[in-house]
Amino acid sequence: MLYKSRTIPRELEVYQCLNTRIKLSEKERKHLFTLRKGYEGEVQFDNLTSSIQSECFILNDLLLQQNKSIFQIDTLIIAPDTIHLFEVKNFEGDYFYDSDRLYTKIPPQSEVTNPLIQLTRSESLLRQLLQSLGCNLPIQAVIVFINPEFTLYQTPINKPFLFHSQINRFFDKYNSTSSKLMTNHKELAEQLLSLHLHEAPFFLPPSYQYDELRKGNTCEKCGFFEINIKGTKCICKECGKMELSETIIMRNVKELSMLFPEMKITTNTIFEWFQGEIPKRTIGRALKKHMDCKGVRQWSHYEY
């Protein structure tokens, strides 16, 4: 049973927004690629865990704190007899393992961070947290290499690695279990959900200013700026994606609020962000429908 769904990381959302409106540096584009690829791998794993038939609670994308240390868990599964901790990696290509270090195989060979370091830390902090909650269930911590195009040479047999070809067999064991969840399992899921931190504290976006960003409507699907507006419909000239004007307005309100949290949302602010492409009356109706109006007359603005 899915108990906590996954959401797009705020860091990835910010980078994707900026990628359509300013020119990112090569280093920033690589970071965006890494963020996007990692998230895609996690979503792929979610699709696999959704097919589990046996009783369990699935909590995706947990950000927790223990002893002033913050740790992130890609997927946590509370089964009747075990807590399963999964660290998902979407590596692609050929790598090799040597002396507890991970390297790319294609020259120039370079060392990459061993995911076991992160897994060991997360497992230790999770165990301490569970003990503080009065839970003594054993933890099984596993690194999932989700990409079928990933090969790890010299893989030690005793490492908690799960490769793409092994995942289905791994979850077959879940479905063969007839044990039942108890009230204490649900209580634990509720406790962990209540402890989840909604904002990552170490997010460092690229430097940007409002005046530097390209203004205008963007297509949700392809990021193209040329949008035909026909009544209540907005149609991308590049890919043909159609959105209702109300939908595209609120999507851009979310984007603007995310990029500039201190900025007040007004009809004029959104009109300027759209470069006048959508009438103020249409913008005002959407804001009144989906947000609360604060203040009066020229001092009015909208909040969620």
C-alpha atoms as a PDB file:
ATOM      1  CA  MET A   1       0.000   0.000   0.000  1.00  0.00           C
ATOM      2  CA  LEU A   2       1.361   3.376  -1.012  1.00  0.00           C
ATOM      3  CA  TYR A   3       1.463   5.537   2.116  1.00  0.00           C
ATOM      4  CA  LYS A   4       3.542   8.464   0.847  1.00  0.00           C
ATOM      5  CA  SER A   5       3.888   9.341  -2.814  1.00  0.00           C
ATOM      6  CA  ARG A   6       6.927  10.915  -4.429  1.00  0.00           C
ATOM      7  CA  THR A   7       7.018  14.537  -5.511  1.00  0.00           C
ATOM      8  CA  ILE A   8       9.437  16.281  -7.852  1.00  0.00           C
ATOM      9  CA  PRO A   9      12.329  17.654  -5.752  1.00  0.00           C
ATOM     10  CA  ARG A  10      12.203  21.435  -5.438  1.00  0.00           C
ATOM     11  CA  GLU A  11      15.825  21.669  -6.574  1.00  0.00           C
ATOM     12  CA  LEU A  12      14.960  19.866  -9.809  1.00  0.00           C
ATOM     13  CA  GLU A  13      11.886  22.064 -10.353  1.00  0.00           C
ATOM     14  CA  VAL A  14      13.934  25.238  -9.913  1.00  0.00           C
ATOM     15  CA  TYR A  15      16.671  24.055 -12.266  1.00  0.00           C
ATOM     16  CA  GLN A  16      14.119  23.040 -14.905  1.00  0.00           C
ATOM     17  CA  CYS A  17      12.391  26.422 -14.690  1.00  0.00           C
ATOM     18  CA  LEU A  18      15.676  28.293 -14.957  1.00  0.00           C
ATOM     19  CA  ASN A  19      16.812  26.124 -17.855  1.00  0.00           C
ATOM     20  CA  THR A  20      14.020  27.538 -20.023  1.00  0.00           C
ATOM     21  CA  ARG A  21      14.546  31.173 -18.977  1.00  0.00           C
ATOM     22  CA  ILE A  22      18.321  31.707 -18.643  1.00  0.00           C
ATOM     23  CA  LYS A  23      21.439  30.114 -20.039  1.00  0.00           C
ATOM     24  CA  LEU A  24      22.825  27.717 -17.457  1.00  0.00           C
ATOM     25  CA  SER A  25      26.549  27.075 -17.244  1.00  0.00           C
ATOM     26  CA  GLU A  26      27.895  23.711 -18.386  1.00  0.00           C
ATOM     27  CA  LYS A  27      28.329  22.675 -14.754  1.00  0.00           C
ATOM     28  CA  GLU A  28      24.733  23.651 -13.970  1.00  0.00           C
ATOM     29  CA  ARG A  29      23.411  21.775 -17.013  1.00  0.00           C
ATOM     30  CA  LYS A  30      25.276  18.661 -15.903  1.00  0.00           C
ATOM     31  CA  HIS A  31      23.803  19.020 -12.440  1.00  0.00           C
ATOM     32  CA  LEU A  32      20.321  19.364 -13.953  1.00  0.00           C
ATOM     33  CA  PHE A  33      20.927  16.198 -15.990  1.00  0.00           C
ATOM     34  CA  THR A  34      21.999  14.327 -12.848  1.00  0.00           C
ATOM     35  CA  LEU A  35      18.967  15.538 -10.889  1.00  0.00           C
ATOM     36  CA  ARG A  36      16.580  14.616 -13.693  1.00  0.00           C
ATOM     37  CA  LYS A  37      18.122  11.202 -14.260  1.00  0.00           C
ATOM     38  CA  GLY A  38      18.058  10.407 -10.550  1.00  0.00           C
ATOM     39  CA  TYR A  39      14.399  11.352 -10.270  1.00  0.00           C
ATOM     40  CA  GLU A  40      13.492   9.310 -13.353  1.00  0.00           C
ATOM     41  CA  GLY A  41      15.171   6.268 -11.795  1.00  0.00           C
ATOM     42  CA  GLU A  42      13.230   6.712  -8.573  1.00  0.00           C
ATOM     43  CA  VAL A  43       9.948   6.945 -10.507  1.00  0.00           C
ATOM     44  CA  GLN A  44      10.831   3.742 -12.368  1.00  0.00           C
ATOM     45  CA  PHE A  45      11.367   2.013  -9.047  1.00  0.00           C
ATOM     46  CA  ASP A  46       8.024   3.355  -7.804  1.00  0.00           C
ATOM     47  CA  ASN A  47       6.337   1.669 -10.757  1.00  0.00           C
ATOM     48  CA  LEU A  48       7.845  -1.637  -9.672  1.00  0.00           C
ATOM     49  CA  THR A  49       6.952  -1.327  -5.998  1.00  0.00           C
ATOM     50  CA  SER A  50       3.368  -0.447  -6.938  1.00  0.00           C
ATOM     51  CA  SER A  51       2.910  -4.056  -8.103  1.00  0.00           C
ATOM     52  CA  ILE A  52       3.628  -5.546  -4.658  1.00  0.00           C
ATOM     53  CA  GLN A  53       0.599  -7.582  -3.617  1.00  0.00           C
ATOM     54  CA  SER A  54       1.532  -8.506  -0.053  1.00  0.00           C
ATOM     55  CA  GLU A  55       0.713  -6.285   2.905  1.00  0.00           C
ATOM     56  CA  CYS A  56       3.150  -3.417   3.418  1.00  0.00           C
ATOM     57  CA  PHE A  57       3.346   0.359   3.731  1.00  0.00           C
ATOM     58  CA  ILE A  58       5.414   2.153   1.075  1.00  0.00           C
ATOM     59  CA  LEU A  59       6.815   5.585   1.902  1.00  0.00           C
ATOM     60  CA  ASN A  60       8.675   7.328  -0.906  1.00  0.00           C
ATOM     61  CA  ASP A  61      11.101  10.224  -0.652  1.00  0.00           C
ATOM     62  CA  LEU A  62      11.435  10.676   3.103  1.00  0.00           C
ATOM     63  CA  LEU A  63      13.570  13.459   4.528  1.00  0.00           C
ATOM     64  CA  LEU A  64      14.200  12.812   8.217  1.00  0.00           C
ATOM     65  CA  GLN A  65      16.306  14.128  11.068  1.00  0.00           C
ATOM     66  CA  GLN A  66      18.024  12.261  13.876  1.00  0.00           C
ATOM     67  CA  ASN A  67      20.436  13.796  16.389  1.00  0.00           C
ATOM     68  CA  LYS A  68      20.573  16.996  14.300  1.00  0.00           C
ATOM     69  CA  SER A  69      21.638  14.950  11.255  1.00  0.00           C
ATOM     70  CA  ILE A  70      19.378  15.067   8.213  1.00  0.00           C
ATOM     71  CA  PHE A  71      19.122  12.037   5.940  1.00  0.00           C
ATOM     72  CA  GLN A  72      17.098  11.185   2.890  1.00  0.00           C
ATOM     73  CA  ILE A  73      15.482   7.845   2.006  1.00  0.00           C
ATOM     74  CA  ASP A  74      14.454   7.118  -1.572  1.00  0.00           C
ATOM     75  CA  THR A  75      12.010   4.343  -0.654  1.00  0.00           C
ATOM     76  CA  LEU A  76      11.069   2.793   2.668  1.00  0.00           C
ATOM     77  CA  ILE A  77       8.854  -0.282   2.844  1.00  0.00           C
ATOM     78  CA  ILE A  78       7.375  -1.342   6.162  1.00  0.00           C
ATOM     79  CA  ALA A  79       6.708  -5.068   5.930  1.00  0.00           C
ATOM     80  CA  PRO A  80       5.329  -7.189   8.803  1.00  0.00           C
ATOM     81  CA  ASP A  81       8.745  -8.504   9.854  1.00  0.00           C
ATOM     82  CA  THR A  82      11.280  -6.083   8.334  1.00  0.00           C
ATOM     83  CA  ILE A  83      11.891  -2.458   7.415  1.00  0.00           C
ATOM     84  CA  HIS A  84      13.271  -2.292   3.869  1.00  0.00           C
ATOM     85  CA  LEU A  85      15.443   0.715   2.996  1.00  0.00           C
ATOM     86  CA  PHE A  86      16.164   1.317  -0.690  1.00  0.00           C
ATOM     87  CA  GLU A  87      18.697   3.713  -2.177  1.00  0.00           C
ATOM     88  CA  VAL A  88      17.968   4.004  -5.923  1.00  0.00           C
ATOM     89  CA  LYS A  89      20.726   4.769  -8.417  1.00  0.00           C
ATOM     90  CA  ASN A  90      20.139   5.359 -12.122  1.00  0.00           C
ATOM     91  CA  PHE A  91      23.749   4.867 -13.225  1.00  0.00           C
ATOM     92  CA  GLU A  92      24.285   3.998 -16.872  1.00  0.00           C
ATOM     93  CA  GLY A  93      27.279   2.403 -18.600  1.00  0.00           C
ATOM     94  CA  ASP A  94      30.232   0.329 -17.430  1.00  0.00           C
ATOM     95  CA  TYR A  95      31.735   0.654 -13.942  1.00  0.00           C
ATOM     96  CA  PHE A  96      34.015  -1.478 -11.818  1.00  0.00           C
ATOM     97  CA  TYR A  97      34.392  -2.032  -8.084  1.00  0.00           C
ATOM     98  CA  ASP A  98      37.798  -2.136  -6.454  1.00  0.00           C
ATOM     99  CA  SER A  99      38.802  -1.892  -2.769  1.00  0.00           C
ATOM    100  CA  ASP A 100      35.430  -0.469  -1.714  1.00  0.00           C
ATOM    101  CA  ARG A 101      35.606   2.182  -4.419  1.00  0.00           C
ATOM    102  CA  LEU A 102      33.520   2.662  -7.541  1.00  0.00           C
ATOM    103  CA  TYR A 103      35.045   3.758 -10.849  1.00  0.00           C
ATOM    104  CA  THR A 104      33.875   4.425 -14.383  1.00  0.00           C
ATOM    105  CA  LYS A 105      35.374   1.822 -16.703  1.00  0.00           C
ATOM    106  CA  ILE A 106      35.652   3.847 -19.912  1.00  0.00           C
ATOM    107  CA  PRO A 107      38.847   5.984 -19.991  1.00  0.00           C
ATOM    108  CA  PRO A 108      39.555   8.364 -18.503  1.00  0.00           C
ATOM    109  CA  GLN A 109      38.631   6.229 -15.518  1.00  0.00           C
ATOM    110  CA  SER A 110      37.337   8.308 -12.625  1.00  0.00           C
ATOM    111  CA  GLU A 111      36.125   7.515  -9.137  1.00  0.00           C
ATOM    112  CA  VAL A 112      32.495   8.197  -8.296  1.00  0.00           C
ATOM    113  CA  THR A 113      30.991   8.386  -4.842  1.00  0.00           C
ATOM    114  CA  ASN A 114      30.322   4.917  -3.510  1.00  0.00           C
ATOM    115  CA  PRO A 115      26.565   4.770  -2.771  1.00  0.00           C
ATOM    116  CA  LEU A 116      27.329   2.384   0.078  1.00  0.00           C
ATOM    117  CA  ILE A 117      28.622   5.363   2.068  1.00  0.00           C
ATOM    118  CA  GLN A 118      25.254   7.074   1.868  1.00  0.00           C
ATOM    119  CA  LEU A 119      23.358   3.845   2.470  1.00  0.00           C
ATOM    120  CA  THR A 120      25.375   3.017   5.599  1.00  0.00           C
ATOM    121  CA  ARG A 121      24.792   6.494   7.012  1.00  0.00           C
ATOM    122  CA  SER A 122      21.055   6.427   6.270  1.00  0.00           C
ATOM    123  CA  GLU A 123      20.678   2.954   7.745  1.00  0.00           C
ATOM    124  CA  SER A 124      22.460   3.949  10.952  1.00  0.00           C
ATOM    125  CA  LEU A 125      20.418   7.122  11.426  1.00  0.00           C
ATOM    126  CA  LEU A 126      17.186   5.318  10.593  1.00  0.00           C
ATOM    127  CA  ARG A 127      17.953   2.605  13.151  1.00  0.00           C
ATOM    128  CA  GLN A 128      18.556   5.241  15.826  1.00  0.00           C
ATOM    129  CA  LEU A 129      15.317   6.999  14.894  1.00  0.00           C
ATOM    130  CA  LEU A 130      13.299   3.780  14.962  1.00  0.00           C
ATOM    131  CA  GLN A 131      14.705   2.889  18.371  1.00  0.00           C
ATOM    132  CA  SER A 132      13.672   6.308  19.691  1.00  0.00           C
ATOM    133  CA  LEU A 133      10.155   5.518  18.424  1.00  0.00           C
ATOM    134  CA  GLY A 134      10.152   2.169  20.180  1.00  0.00           C
ATOM    135  CA  CYS A 135      10.454   0.111  16.988  1.00  0.00           C
ATOM    136  CA  ASN A 136      12.911  -2.794  16.994  1.00  0.00           C
ATOM    137  CA  LEU A 137      12.144  -4.306  13.600  1.00  0.00           C
ATOM    138  CA  PRO A 138      15.294  -5.290  11.676  1.00  0.00           C
ATOM    139  CA  ILE A 139      16.362  -3.141   8.723  1.00  0.00           C
ATOM    140  CA  GLN A 140      17.335  -4.527   5.334  1.00  0.00           C
ATOM    141  CA  ALA A 141      19.205  -1.816   3.408  1.00  0.00           C
ATOM    142  CA  VAL A 142      19.739  -2.252  -0.332  1.00  0.00           C
ATOM    143  CA  ILE A 143      21.138  -0.206  -3.209  1.00  0.00           C
ATOM    144  CA  VAL A 144      19.019  -0.618  -6.333  1.00  0.00           C
ATOM    145  CA  PHE A 145      20.751  -0.092  -9.681  1.00  0.00           C
ATOM    146  CA  ILE A 146      17.567   0.526 -11.649  1.00  0.00           C
ATOM    147  CA  ASN A 147      19.058   1.070 -15.121  1.00  0.00           C
ATOM    148  CA  PRO A 148      19.217  -2.054 -17.354  1.00  0.00           C
ATOM    149  CA  GLU A 149      22.156  -0.446 -19.216  1.00  0.00           C
ATOM    150  CA  PHE A 150      24.333  -0.457 -16.077  1.00  0.00           C
ATOM    151  CA  THR A 151      27.119  -3.011 -15.567  1.00  0.00           C
ATOM    152  CA  LEU A 152      29.329  -3.263 -12.485  1.00  0.00           C
ATOM    153  CA  TYR A 153      32.444  -5.373 -12.951  1.00  0.00           C
ATOM    154  CA  GLN A 154      34.165  -7.093 -10.035  1.00  0.00           C
ATOM    155  CA  THR A 155      30.996  -6.888  -7.969  1.00  0.00           C
ATOM    156  CA  PRO A 156      31.564  -8.276  -4.450  1.00  0.00           C
ATOM    157  CA  ILE A 157      28.978 -10.950  -3.725  1.00  0.00           C
ATOM    158  CA  ASN A 158      28.527  -9.788  -0.145  1.00  0.00           C
ATOM    159  CA  LYS A 159      27.483  -6.209  -0.940  1.00  0.00           C
ATOM    160  CA  PRO A 160      23.791  -5.182  -0.713  1.00  0.00           C
ATOM    161  CA  PHE A 161      23.477  -4.484  -4.427  1.00  0.00           C
ATOM    162  CA  LEU A 162      20.296  -5.188  -6.379  1.00  0.00           C
ATOM    163  CA  PHE A 163      20.610  -5.039 -10.160  1.00  0.00           C
ATOM    164  CA  HIS A 164      17.840  -4.501 -12.688  1.00  0.00           C
ATOM    165  CA  SER A 165      17.688  -8.176 -13.655  1.00  0.00           C
ATOM    166  CA  GLN A 166      17.183  -9.177 -10.005  1.00  0.00           C
ATOM    167  CA  ILE A 167      14.435  -6.760  -9.008  1.00  0.00           C
ATOM    168  CA  ASN A 168      11.431  -8.855 -10.078  1.00  0.00           C
ATOM    169  CA  ARG A 169      12.753 -11.915  -8.251  1.00  0.00           C
ATOM    170  CA  PHE A 170      13.406  -9.779  -5.194  1.00  0.00           C
ATOM    171  CA  PHE A 171       9.788  -8.587  -5.087  1.00  0.00           C
ATOM    172  CA  ASP A 172       8.457 -12.075  -5.764  1.00  0.00           C
ATOM    173  CA  LYS A 173       9.555 -12.829  -2.195  1.00  0.00           C
ATOM    174  CA  TYR A 174       7.232 -10.073  -0.968  1.00  0.00           C
ATOM    175  CA  ASN A 175       4.263 -11.540  -2.786  1.00  0.00           C
ATOM    176  CA  SER A 176       4.931 -15.006  -1.359  1.00  0.00           C
ATOM    177  CA  THR A 177       4.601 -13.662   2.200  1.00  0.00           C
ATOM    178  CA  SER A 178       1.278 -14.110   3.968  1.00  0.00           C
ATOM    179  CA  SER A 179       2.135 -12.172   7.143  1.00  0.00           C
ATOM    180  CA  LYS A 180      -0.251  -9.390   8.111  1.00  0.00           C
ATOM    181  CA  LEU A 181       0.379  -5.813   9.135  1.00  0.00           C
ATOM    182  CA  MET A 182      -0.653  -4.815  12.641  1.00  0.00           C
ATOM    183  CA  THR A 183      -1.764  -1.549  14.226  1.00  0.00           C
ATOM    184  CA  ASN A 184       1.808  -0.794  15.317  1.00  0.00           C
ATOM    185  CA  HIS A 185       2.965  -0.892  11.676  1.00  0.00           C
ATOM    186  CA  LYS A 186       0.455   1.790  10.711  1.00  0.00           C
ATOM    187  CA  GLU A 187       1.404   3.840  13.764  1.00  0.00           C
ATOM    188  CA  LEU A 188       5.037   3.695  12.665  1.00  0.00           C
ATOM    189  CA  ALA A 189       4.122   4.820   9.136  1.00  0.00           C
ATOM    190  CA  GLU A 190       2.161   7.731  10.614  1.00  0.00           C
ATOM    191  CA  GLN A 191       5.058   8.701  12.878  1.00  0.00           C
ATOM    192  CA  LEU A 192       7.565   8.709  10.026  1.00  0.00           C
ATOM    193  CA  LEU A 193       5.188  10.694   7.842  1.00  0.00           C
ATOM    194  CA  SER A 194       4.756  13.288  10.587  1.00  0.00           C
ATOM    195  CA  LEU A 195       8.549  13.585  10.952  1.00  0.00           C
ATOM    196  CA  HIS A 196       9.111  14.129   7.216  1.00  0.00           C
ATOM    197  CA  LEU A 197      10.802  17.465   6.474  1.00  0.00           C
ATOM    198  CA  HIS A 198       9.132  19.235   3.566  1.00  0.00           C
ATOM    199  CA  GLU A 199      12.043  21.483   2.638  1.00  0.00           C
ATOM    200  CA  ALA A 200      15.624  20.331   2.099  1.00  0.00           C
ATOM    201  CA  PRO A 201      17.884  22.722   4.051  1.00  0.00           C
ATOM    202  CA  PHE A 202      20.956  22.468   1.807  1.00  0.00           C
ATOM    203  CA  PHE A 203      19.501  23.542  -1.517  1.00  0.00           C
ATOM    204  CA  LEU A 204      21.808  25.961  -3.369  1.00  0.00           C
ATOM    205  CA  PRO A 205      20.284  27.072  -6.693  1.00  0.00           C
ATOM    206  CA  PRO A 206      22.181  28.927  -9.398  1.00  0.00           C
ATOM    207  CA  SER A 207      22.425  32.690  -8.958  1.00  0.00           C
ATOM    208  CA  TYR A 208      19.673  34.522 -10.839  1.00  0.00           C
ATOM    209  CA  GLN A 209      17.809  37.846 -10.855  1.00  0.00           C
ATOM    210  CA  TYR A 210      14.270  38.608 -12.017  1.00  0.00           C
ATOM    211  CA  ASP A 211      15.431  40.950 -14.794  1.00  0.00           C
ATOM    212  CA  GLU A 212      17.721  38.233 -16.212  1.00  0.00           C
ATOM    213  CA  LEU A 213      14.913  35.747 -16.795  1.00  0.00           C
ATOM    214  CA  ARG A 214      13.137  35.477 -20.102  1.00  0.00           C
ATOM    215  CA  LYS A 215       9.460  36.316 -19.670  1.00  0.00           C
ATOM    216  CA  GLY A 216       6.498  34.776 -21.461  1.00  0.00           C
ATOM    217  CA  ASN A 217       4.398  31.626 -21.672  1.00  0.00           C
ATOM    218  CA  THR A 218       6.222  28.315 -21.886  1.00  0.00           C
ATOM    219  CA  CYS A 219       4.885  24.973 -23.023  1.00  0.00           C
ATOM    220  CA  GLU A 220       4.618  22.463 -20.179  1.00  0.00           C
ATOM    221  CA  LYS A 221       5.685  19.633 -22.486  1.00  0.00           C
ATOM    222  CA  CYS A 222       8.591  21.031 -24.528  1.00  0.00           C
ATOM    223  CA  GLY A 223       9.437  24.399 -22.918  1.00  0.00           C
ATOM    224  CA  PHE A 224       8.829  26.311 -26.164  1.00  0.00           C
ATOM    225  CA  PHE A 225       7.894  29.992 -25.779  1.00  0.00           C
ATOM    226  CA  GLU A 226       5.677  30.426 -28.839  1.00  0.00           C
ATOM    227  CA  ILE A 227       2.105  29.830 -27.651  1.00  0.00           C
ATOM    228  CA  ASN A 228      -1.086  30.514 -29.635  1.00  0.00           C
ATOM    229  CA  ILE A 229      -3.861  31.805 -27.376  1.00  0.00           C
ATOM    230  CA  LYS A 230      -7.362  31.121 -28.663  1.00  0.00           C
ATOM    231  CA  GLY A 231     -10.016  32.068 -26.155  1.00  0.00           C
ATOM    232  CA  THR A 232      -9.526  29.861 -23.105  1.00  0.00           C
ATOM    233  CA  LYS A 233      -7.019  27.571 -24.863  1.00  0.00           C
ATOM    234  CA  CYS A 234      -3.238  27.914 -25.163  1.00  0.00           C
ATOM    235  CA  ILE A 235      -1.634  25.797 -27.915  1.00  0.00           C
ATOM    236  CA  CYS A 236       2.111  25.318 -28.339  1.00  0.00           C
ATOM    237  CA  LYS A 237       3.314  26.117 -31.858  1.00  0.00           C
ATOM    238  CA  GLU A 238       6.154  23.621 -31.539  1.00  0.00           C
ATOM    239  CA  CYS A 239       4.562  20.395 -30.227  1.00  0.00           C
ATOM    240  CA  GLY A 240       0.832  21.139 -30.300  1.00  0.00           C
ATOM    241  CA  LYS A 241       0.356  20.678 -26.566  1.00  0.00           C
ATOM    242  CA  MET A 242      -2.915  22.291 -25.458  1.00  0.00           C
ATOM    243  CA  GLU A 243      -3.537  23.773 -22.010  1.00  0.00           C
ATOM    244  CA  LEU A 244      -6.418  25.797 -20.683  1.00  0.00           C
ATOM    245  CA  SER A 245      -5.429  29.390 -19.974  1.00  0.00           C
ATOM    246  CA  GLU A 246      -6.476  28.901 -16.343  1.00  0.00           C
ATOM    247  CA  THR A 247      -4.110  25.924 -16.042  1.00  0.00           C
ATOM    248  CA  ILE A 248      -1.164  27.724 -17.621  1.00  0.00           C
ATOM    249  CA  ILE A 249      -1.753  30.777 -15.421  1.00  0.00           C
ATOM    250  CA  MET A 250      -1.670  28.763 -12.192  1.00  0.00           C
ATOM    251  CA  ARG A 251       1.332  26.754 -13.386  1.00  0.00           C
ATOM    252  CA  ASN A 252       3.232  29.996 -13.910  1.00  0.00           C
ATOM    253  CA  VAL A 253       2.059  31.364 -10.553  1.00  0.00           C
ATOM    254  CA  LYS A 254       3.591  28.276  -8.948  1.00  0.00           C
ATOM    255  CA  GLU A 255       6.789  28.748 -10.955  1.00  0.00           C
ATOM    256  CA  LEU A 256       7.104  32.436 -10.070  1.00  0.00           C
ATOM    257  CA  SER A 257       6.388  31.771  -6.377  1.00  0.00           C
ATOM    258  CA  MET A 258       9.008  29.039  -6.340  1.00  0.00           C
ATOM    259  CA  LEU A 259      11.683  31.209  -7.981  1.00  0.00           C
ATOM    260  CA  PHE A 260      10.830  34.319  -5.953  1.00  0.00           C
ATOM    261  CA  PRO A 261       9.131  33.277  -2.692  1.00  0.00           C
ATOM    262  CA  GLU A 262       9.064  36.845  -1.350  1.00  0.00           C
ATOM    263  CA  MET A 263       7.322  38.299  -4.400  1.00  0.00           C
ATOM    264  CA  LYS A 264       3.653  39.231  -3.979  1.00  0.00           C
ATOM    265  CA  ILE A 265       1.376  37.636  -6.556  1.00  0.00           C
ATOM    266  CA  THR A 266      -0.848  40.252  -8.215  1.00  0.00           C
ATOM    267  CA  THR A 267      -2.717  40.449 -11.483  1.00  0.00           C
ATOM    268  CA  ASN A 268      -0.135  42.950 -12.766  1.00  0.00           C
ATOM    269  CA  THR A 269       2.780  40.736 -11.670  1.00  0.00           C
ATOM    270  CA  ILE A 270       1.474  37.770 -13.665  1.00  0.00           C
ATOM    271  CA  PHE A 271       0.497  39.990 -16.609  1.00  0.00           C
ATOM    272  CA  GLU A 272       4.093  41.260 -16.741  1.00  0.00           C
ATOM    273  CA  TRP A 273       5.482  37.713 -16.370  1.00  0.00           C
ATOM    274  CA  PHE A 274       3.370  36.706 -19.402  1.00  0.00           C
ATOM    275  CA  GLN A 275       4.511  39.816 -21.297  1.00  0.00           C
ATOM    276  CA  GLY A 276       0.884  40.804 -21.772  1.00  0.00           C
ATOM    277  CA  GLU A 277       0.044  37.670 -23.767  1.00  0.00           C
ATOM    278  CA  ILE A 278      -2.920  36.766 -21.527  1.00  0.00           C
ATOM    279  CA  PRO A 279      -5.510  39.465 -20.651  1.00  0.00           C
ATOM    280  CA  LYS A 280      -5.586  40.823 -17.107  1.00  0.00           C
ATOM    281  CA  ARG A 281      -9.254  39.896 -16.795  1.00  0.00           C
ATOM    282  CA  THR A 282      -8.470  36.231 -17.511  1.00  0.00           C
ATOM    283  CA  ILE A 283      -5.566  36.288 -15.057  1.00  0.00           C
ATOM    284  CA  GLY A 284      -7.697  37.929 -12.367  1.00  0.00           C
ATOM    285  CA  ARG A 285     -10.443  35.302 -12.694  1.00  0.00           C
ATOM    286  CA  ALA A 286      -7.945  32.452 -12.316  1.00  0.00           C
ATOM    287  CA  LEU A 287      -6.284  34.031  -9.287  1.00  0.00           C
ATOM    288  CA  LYS A 288      -9.624  34.668  -7.563  1.00  0.00           C
ATOM    289  CA  LYS A 289     -10.728  31.092  -8.227  1.00  0.00           C
ATOM    290  CA  HIS A 290      -7.618  29.342  -6.907  1.00  0.00           C
ATOM    291  CA  MET A 291      -6.154  31.766  -4.340  1.00  0.00           C
ATOM    292  CA  ASP A 292      -7.225  34.014  -1.490  1.00  0.00           C
ATOM    293  CA  CYS A 293      -7.232  37.744  -2.089  1.00  0.00           C
ATOM    294  CA  LYS A 294      -5.492  39.791   0.608  1.00  0.00           C
ATOM    295  CA  GLY A 295      -5.661  43.569   0.946  1.00  0.00           C
ATOM    296  CA  VAL A 296      -7.832  45.989  -1.006  1.00  0.00           C
ATOM    297  CA  ARG A 297      -7.584  47.955  -4.235  1.00  0.00           C
ATOM    298  CA  GLN A 298      -3.997  48.722  -5.294  1.00  0.00           C
ATOM    299  CA  TRP A 299      -2.616  46.858  -2.253  1.00  0.00           C
ATOM    300  CA  SER A 300      -4.407  43.612  -3.039  1.00  0.00           C
ATOM    301  CA  HIS A 301      -2.437  40.454  -3.714  1.00  0.00           C
ATOM    302  CA  TYR A 302      -3.100  36.708  -3.758  1.00  0.00           C
ATOM    303  CA  GLU A 303      -1.945  33.903  -1.483  1.00  0.00           C
ATOM    304  CA  TYR A 304      -2.588  30.155  -1.299  1.00  0.00           C
END
